[in-house]
C-alpha atoms as a PDB file:
ATOM      1  CA  MET A   1      94.840 104.744 110.608  1.00  0.00           C
ATOM      2  CA  THR A   2      96.365 101.384 111.525  1.00  0.00           C
ATOM      3  CA  ALA A   3      94.563 101.366 114.881  1.00  0.00           C
ATOM      4  CA  ALA A   4      91.271 102.323 113.204  1.00  0.00           C
ATOM      5  CA  ASP A   5      91.671  99.525 110.669  1.00  0.00           C
ATOM      6  CA  ILE A   6      92.517  96.894 113.287  1.00  0.00           C
ATOM      7  CA  ILE A   7      89.604  97.918 115.525  1.00  0.00           C
ATOM      8  CA  THR A   8      87.205  97.887 112.556  1.00  0.00           C
ATOM      9  CA  ILE A   9      88.425  94.411 111.499  1.00  0.00           C
ATOM     10  CA  VAL A  10      87.947  93.087 115.058  1.00  0.00           C
ATOM     11  CA  LEU A  11      84.461  94.614 115.352  1.00  0.00           C
ATOM     12  CA  ASN A  12      83.513  93.160 111.941  1.00  0.00           C
ATOM     13  CA  HIS A  13      84.677  89.675 112.923  1.00  0.00           C
ATOM     14  CA  LYS A  14      82.712  88.006 110.118  1.00  0.00           C
ATOM     15  CA  ALA A  15      84.361  90.145 107.435  1.00  0.00           C
ATOM     16  CA  ASN A  16      87.416  89.003 105.459  1.00  0.00           C
ATOM     17  CA  SER A  17      90.278  91.501 105.791  1.00  0.00           C
ATOM     18  CA  LEU A  18      92.314  89.676 103.123  1.00  0.00           C
ATOM     19  CA  LYS A  19      89.568  90.274 100.591  1.00  0.00           C
ATOM     20  CA  GLN A  20      87.907  93.470 101.806  1.00  0.00           C
ATOM     21  CA  THR A  21      89.785  96.737 101.436  1.00  0.00           C
ATOM     22  CA  ILE A  22      89.996  99.561 103.957  1.00  0.00           C
ATOM     23  CA  SER A  23      87.439 101.401 101.819  1.00  0.00           C
ATOM     24  CA  ASP A  24      85.090  98.372 101.948  1.00  0.00           C
ATOM     25  CA  PHE A  25      85.191  98.487 105.748  1.00  0.00           C
ATOM     26  CA  ALA A  26      84.552 102.253 105.590  1.00  0.00           C
ATOM     27  CA  ILE A  27      81.046 101.622 104.247  1.00  0.00           C
ATOM     28  CA  GLY A  28      80.285  99.102 107.000  1.00  0.00           C
ATOM     29  CA  PRO A  29      78.715  99.650 110.424  1.00  0.00           C
ATOM     30  CA  TYR A  30      81.979 100.967 111.949  1.00  0.00           C
ATOM     31  CA  GLY A  31      83.090 102.790 108.828  1.00  0.00           C
ATOM     32  CA  TYR A  32      83.488 106.080 110.672  1.00  0.00           C
ATOM     33  CA  LEU A  33      86.620 104.631 112.317  1.00  0.00           C
ATOM     34  CA  GLU A  34      88.235 104.017 108.922  1.00  0.00           C
ATOM     35  CA  LYS A  35      87.203 107.499 107.765  1.00  0.00           C
ATOM     36  CA  ILE A  36      88.751 109.067 110.891  1.00  0.00           C
ATOM     37  CA  GLY A  37      91.960 107.154 110.127  1.00  0.00           C
ATOM     38  CA  MET A  38      92.031 108.492 106.555  1.00  0.00           C
ATOM     39  CA  ILE A  39      91.435 112.054 107.751  1.00  0.00           C
ATOM     40  CA  MET A  40      94.334 111.648 110.222  1.00  0.00           C
ATOM     41  CA  VAL A  41      96.580 110.601 107.317  1.00  0.00           C
ATOM     42  CA  ALA A  42      95.405 113.654 105.355  1.00  0.00           C
ATOM     43  CA  ILE A  43      96.250 115.909 108.329  1.00  0.00           C
ATOM     44  CA  SER A  44      99.709 114.310 108.565  1.00  0.00           C
ATOM     45  CA  PHE A  45     100.426 115.049 104.896  1.00  0.00           C
ATOM     46  CA  LEU A  46      99.131 118.611 105.320  1.00  0.00           C
ATOM     47  CA  PHE A  47     101.472 119.114 108.283  1.00  0.00           C
ATOM     48  CA  ILE A  48     104.468 117.952 106.218  1.00  0.00           C
ATOM     49  CA  ALA A  49     103.295 120.079 103.265  1.00  0.00           C
ATOM     50  CA  LYS A  50     102.906 123.191 105.423  1.00  0.00           C
ATOM     51  CA  ASN A  51     106.483 122.868 106.669  1.00  0.00           C
ATOM     52  CA  LEU A  52     107.781 122.513 103.115  1.00  0.00           C
ATOM     53  CA  LEU A  53     105.695 125.339 101.675  1.00  0.00           C
ATOM     54  CA  ILE A  54     106.943 127.905 104.231  1.00  0.00           C
ATOM     55  CA  VAL A  55     110.618 127.567 103.257  1.00  0.00           C
ATOM     56  CA  ARG A  56     112.067 130.708 101.713  1.00  0.00           C
ATOM     57  CA  ASN A  57     111.717 131.389  98.010  1.00  0.00           C
ATOM     58  CA  ASN A  58     115.084 130.243  96.761  1.00  0.00           C
ATOM     59  CA  LYS A  59     116.302 128.243  93.773  1.00  0.00           C
ATOM     60  CA  GLU A  60     117.753 125.514  96.020  1.00  0.00           C
ATOM     61  CA  LEU A  61     114.514 125.198  97.988  1.00  0.00           C
ATOM     62  CA  CYS A  62     111.934 125.371  95.182  1.00  0.00           C
ATOM     63  CA  ILE A  63     111.959 121.567  94.905  1.00  0.00           C
ATOM     64  CA  PHE A  64     110.697 121.361  98.511  1.00  0.00           C
ATOM     65  CA  LYS A  65     107.872 123.762  97.694  1.00  0.00           C
ATOM     66  CA  PHE A  66     106.965 121.545  94.734  1.00  0.00           C
ATOM     67  CA  VAL A  67     106.942 118.445  96.965  1.00  0.00           C
ATOM     68  CA  GLY A  68     104.824 120.425  99.454  1.00  0.00           C
ATOM     69  CA  VAL A  69     102.258 121.037  96.702  1.00  0.00           C
ATOM     70  CA  LEU A  70     102.310 117.306  95.880  1.00  0.00           C
ATOM     71  CA  PHE A  71     101.591 116.492  99.526  1.00  0.00           C
ATOM     72  CA  VAL A  72      98.661 118.933  99.557  1.00  0.00           C
ATOM     73  CA  ILE A  73      97.266 116.999  96.573  1.00  0.00           C
ATOM     74  CA  VAL A  74      97.799 113.706  98.444  1.00  0.00           C
ATOM     75  CA  ALA A  75      96.020 115.110 101.520  1.00  0.00           C
ATOM     76  CA  LEU A  76      93.075 116.321  99.426  1.00  0.00           C
ATOM     77  CA  GLY A  77      92.972 112.877  97.791  1.00  0.00           C
ATOM     78  CA  PHE A  78      92.620 111.216 101.196  1.00  0.00           C
ATOM     79  CA  VAL A  79      89.813 113.640 102.089  1.00  0.00           C
ATOM     80  CA  MET A  80      88.031 112.754  98.827  1.00  0.00           C
ATOM     81  CA  ILE A  81      88.548 109.033  99.502  1.00  0.00           C
ATOM     82  CA  SER A  82      86.942 109.415 102.929  1.00  0.00           C
ATOM     83  CA  ILE A  83      84.002 111.517 101.642  1.00  0.00           C
ATOM     84  CA  PHE A  84      83.168 109.469  98.538  1.00  0.00           C
ATOM     85  CA  ASN A  85      82.553 105.794  99.273  1.00  0.00           C
ATOM     86  CA  THR A  86      83.873 102.988  97.129  1.00  0.00           C
ATOM     87  CA  ASN A  87      81.613 100.688  95.161  1.00  0.00           C
ATOM     88  CA  ILE A  88      80.807  97.318  96.663  1.00  0.00           C
ATOM     89  CA  ILE A  89      82.607  94.588  94.684  1.00  0.00           C
ATOM     90  CA  GLY A  90      80.343  93.244  91.965  1.00  0.00           C
ATOM     91  CA  THR A  91      78.092  96.336  91.732  1.00  0.00           C
ATOM     92  CA  LEU A  92      77.949  98.917  88.963  1.00  0.00           C
ATOM     93  CA  ILE A  93      80.299 101.884  89.299  1.00  0.00           C
ATOM     94  CA  ASN A  94      78.435 104.997  90.453  1.00  0.00           C
ATOM     95  CA  PHE A  95      79.590 108.629  90.798  1.00  0.00           C
ATOM     96  CA  HIS A  96      80.815 108.171  94.383  1.00  0.00           C
ATOM     97  CA  GLY A  97      82.736 105.055  93.441  1.00  0.00           C
ATOM     98  CA  LEU A  98      84.296 106.742  90.415  1.00  0.00           C
ATOM     99  CA  VAL A  99      85.484 109.757  92.455  1.00  0.00           C
ATOM    100  CA  HIS A 100      86.818 107.359  95.097  1.00  0.00           C
ATOM    101  CA  GLN A 101      88.711 105.313  92.494  1.00  0.00           C
ATOM    102  CA  VAL A 102      90.195 108.349  90.697  1.00  0.00           C
ATOM    103  CA  SER A 103      91.232 109.867  94.052  1.00  0.00           C
ATOM    104  CA  ALA A 104      92.929 106.613  95.153  1.00  0.00           C
ATOM    105  CA  ILE A 105      94.872 106.389  91.882  1.00  0.00           C
ATOM    106  CA  ALA A 106      95.854 110.075  92.087  1.00  0.00           C
ATOM    107  CA  VAL A 107      97.059 109.652  95.683  1.00  0.00           C
ATOM    108  CA  SER A 108      99.271 106.713  94.676  1.00  0.00           C
ATOM    109  CA  VAL A 109     100.778 108.380  91.602  1.00  0.00           C
ATOM    110  CA  VAL A 110     101.430 111.733  93.302  1.00  0.00           C
ATOM    111  CA  PHE A 111     102.805 110.187  96.508  1.00  0.00           C
ATOM    112  CA  TYR A 112     105.211 107.927  94.616  1.00  0.00           C
ATOM    113  CA  LEU A 113     106.357 110.877  92.483  1.00  0.00           C
ATOM    114  CA  ALA A 114     107.113 112.819  95.678  1.00  0.00           C
ATOM    115  CA  CYS A 115     108.969 109.785  97.076  1.00  0.00           C
ATOM    116  CA  LEU A 116     111.169 109.542  93.980  1.00  0.00           C
ATOM    117  CA  ILE A 117     112.046 113.249  94.160  1.00  0.00           C
ATOM    118  CA  LEU A 118     112.857 113.018  97.871  1.00  0.00           C
ATOM    119  CA  MET A 119     114.834 109.799  97.393  1.00  0.00           C
ATOM    120  CA  ARG A 120     117.147 111.637  95.018  1.00  0.00           C
ATOM    121  CA  LEU A 121     117.595 114.503  97.501  1.00  0.00           C
ATOM    122  CA  MET A 122     118.133 112.301 100.555  1.00  0.00           C
ATOM    123  CA  ILE A 123     120.241 109.472  99.189  1.00  0.00           C
ATOM    124  CA  ASN A 124     123.208 111.826  98.617  1.00  0.00           C
ATOM    125  CA  LYS A 125     123.217 112.939 102.277  1.00  0.00           C
ATOM    126  CA  THR A 126     125.066 110.462 104.490  1.00  0.00           C
ATOM    127  CA  SER A 127     122.828 111.023 107.522  1.00  0.00           C
ATOM    128  CA  LEU A 128     119.662 110.635 105.433  1.00  0.00           C
ATOM    129  CA  ARG A 129     120.739 107.867 103.043  1.00  0.00           C
ATOM    130  CA  TYR A 130     118.626 105.171 104.695  1.00  0.00           C
ATOM    131  CA  PHE A 131     115.554 107.410 104.581  1.00  0.00           C
ATOM    132  CA  GLY A 132     116.205 107.923 100.870  1.00  0.00           C
ATOM    133  CA  LEU A 133     116.459 104.160 100.437  1.00  0.00           C
ATOM    134  CA  TYR A 134     113.151 103.751 102.279  1.00  0.00           C
ATOM    135  CA  CYS A 135     111.574 106.183  99.787  1.00  0.00           C
ATOM    136  CA  ALA A 136     112.840 103.895  97.008  1.00  0.00           C
ATOM    137  CA  LEU A 137     111.582 100.779  98.825  1.00  0.00           C
ATOM    138  CA  THR A 138     108.144 102.343  99.307  1.00  0.00           C
ATOM    139  CA  CYS A 139     107.902 103.080  95.573  1.00  0.00           C
ATOM    140  CA  PHE A 140     109.191  99.619  94.645  1.00  0.00           C
ATOM    141  CA  VAL A 141     106.755  97.770  96.917  1.00  0.00           C
ATOM    142  CA  GLY A 142     103.868  99.954  95.742  1.00  0.00           C
ATOM    143  CA  PHE A 143     104.754  99.334  92.099  1.00  0.00           C
ATOM    144  CA  ILE A 144     105.072  95.555  92.593  1.00  0.00           C
ATOM    145  CA  VAL A 145     101.787  95.319  94.513  1.00  0.00           C
ATOM    146  CA  LEU A 146      99.949  97.410  91.894  1.00  0.00           C
ATOM    147  CA  LEU A 147     101.393  95.187  89.150  1.00  0.00           C
ATOM    148  CA  ALA A 148     100.321  92.085  91.062  1.00  0.00           C
ATOM    149  CA  LEU A 149      96.807  93.489  91.382  1.00  0.00           C
ATOM    150  CA  GLY A 150      96.716  94.381  87.703  1.00  0.00           C
ATOM    151  CA  PHE A 151      97.784  90.959  86.457  1.00  0.00           C
ATOM    152  CA  SER A 152      96.346  88.682  89.139  1.00  0.00           C
ATOM    153  CA  HIS A 153      93.419  86.425  88.246  1.00  0.00           C
ATOM    154  CA  ASN A 154      92.429  86.284  91.930  1.00  0.00           C
ATOM    155  CA  LYS A 155      92.877  89.976  92.684  1.00  0.00           C
ATOM    156  CA  ASN A 156      89.489  90.238  94.410  1.00  0.00           C
ATOM    157  CA  GLU A 157      90.526  87.489  96.841  1.00  0.00           C
ATOM    158  CA  TYR A 158      93.591  89.400  98.096  1.00  0.00           C
ATOM    159  CA  MET A 159      92.668  93.022  97.398  1.00  0.00           C
ATOM    160  CA  GLY A 160      92.454  93.851 101.123  1.00  0.00           C
ATOM    161  CA  LEU A 161      95.845  92.316 101.874  1.00  0.00           C
ATOM    162  CA  MET A 162      97.504  94.086  98.930  1.00  0.00           C
ATOM    163  CA  GLU A 163      96.031  97.451  99.899  1.00  0.00           C
ATOM    164  CA  ARG A 164      97.120  97.028 103.509  1.00  0.00           C
ATOM    165  CA  ILE A 165     100.694  96.228 102.424  1.00  0.00           C
ATOM    166  CA  ILE A 166     100.853  99.495 100.469  1.00  0.00           C
ATOM    167  CA  ALA A 167      99.147 101.413 103.287  1.00  0.00           C
ATOM    168  CA  GLY A 168     101.592  99.968 105.824  1.00  0.00           C
ATOM    169  CA  PHE A 169     104.647 101.126 103.875  1.00  0.00           C
ATOM    170  CA  ASN A 170     103.076 104.548 103.323  1.00  0.00           C
ATOM    171  CA  LEU A 171     102.222 105.002 107.004  1.00  0.00           C
ATOM    172  CA  VAL A 172     105.742 104.033 108.066  1.00  0.00           C
ATOM    173  CA  TRP A 173     106.980 106.612 105.522  1.00  0.00           C
ATOM    174  CA  ILE A 174     104.905 109.339 107.211  1.00  0.00           C
ATOM    175  CA  VAL A 175     106.301 108.494 110.651  1.00  0.00           C
ATOM    176  CA  LEU A 176     109.954 107.856 109.725  1.00  0.00           C
ATOM    177  CA  VAL A 177     110.681 109.885 106.603  1.00  0.00           C
ATOM    178  CA  GLY A 178     108.226 112.799 106.879  1.00  0.00           C
ATOM    179  CA  PRO A 179     110.030 114.519 109.800  1.00  0.00           C
ATOM    180  CA  GLN A 180     113.402 113.990 108.070  1.00  0.00           C
ATOM    181  CA  VAL A 181     112.118 115.729 104.929  1.00  0.00           C
ATOM    182  CA  ILE A 182     111.169 118.754 107.042  1.00  0.00           C
ATOM    183  CA  ARG A 183     114.579 118.644 108.749  1.00  0.00           C
ATOM    184  CA  LEU A 184     116.398 118.487 105.408  1.00  0.00           C
ATOM    185  CA  ALA A 185     114.474 121.478 104.023  1.00  0.00           C
ATOM    186  CA  ARG A 186     115.211 123.507 107.168  1.00  0.00           C
ATOM    187  CA  SER A 187     118.907 122.565 107.217  1.00  0.00           C
ATOM    188  CA  ILE A 188     119.343 123.628 103.575  1.00  0.00           C
ATOM    189  CA  GLN A 189     117.482 126.870 104.311  1.00  0.00           C
ATOM    190  CA  ASN A 190     119.662 127.552 107.375  1.00  0.00           C
ATOM    191  CA  GLY A 191     122.783 126.808 105.310  1.00  0.00           C
ATOM    192  CA  ILE A 192     121.695 129.358 102.698  1.00  0.00           C
ATOM    193  CA  ILE A 193     121.025 131.963 105.413  1.00  0.00           C
ATOM    194  CA  SER A 194     124.452 131.281 106.997  1.00  0.00           C
ATOM    195  CA  ARG A 195     126.230 131.691 103.637  1.00  0.00           C
ATOM    196  CA  ARG A 196     124.475 134.992 103.060  1.00  0.00           C
ATOM    197  CA  GLN A 197     125.432 136.257 106.513  1.00  0.00           C
ATOM    198  CA  GLU A 198     129.095 135.395 105.889  1.00  0.00           C
END
């Protein structure tokens, strides 16, 4: 997604990436690149979700199944964002724009909820503490940026920058924390199996 965004910004050299969001670029002449990036993010979340949803049915592991469901919702949200285009700034909100907006809000809320749940699980494990702290940092940065957008008088001037800050933290989360979440779920499952065998 990062590569797609950078390439699209370079190809649209007259556009303003501080002002224009990723979704704004997605309706431009090279918008398919941004849409491919969003679909890749959706696939990444589905991969993490699949690994969490296949853990055994057990009281200790049900929280991972719940987080897996949350990640499926996030993935579907990214698909909806890529299918339904945003409204151009200054135009009336249409059906596509409304679906896009609702999907973007849902993705943020559900992803940050999953991060908070995982932070609590990971922060107590010494080997995963820093990943838990990154979950907290991701939520904190997202919350601050969303607050800044909500209360800023010049939010349209820096909407692109703000969105890219959130996207950057979220993409780093997928790469760094996502695999550790899968590892944690598997290690707890293996520990349960070992206890039963003893």
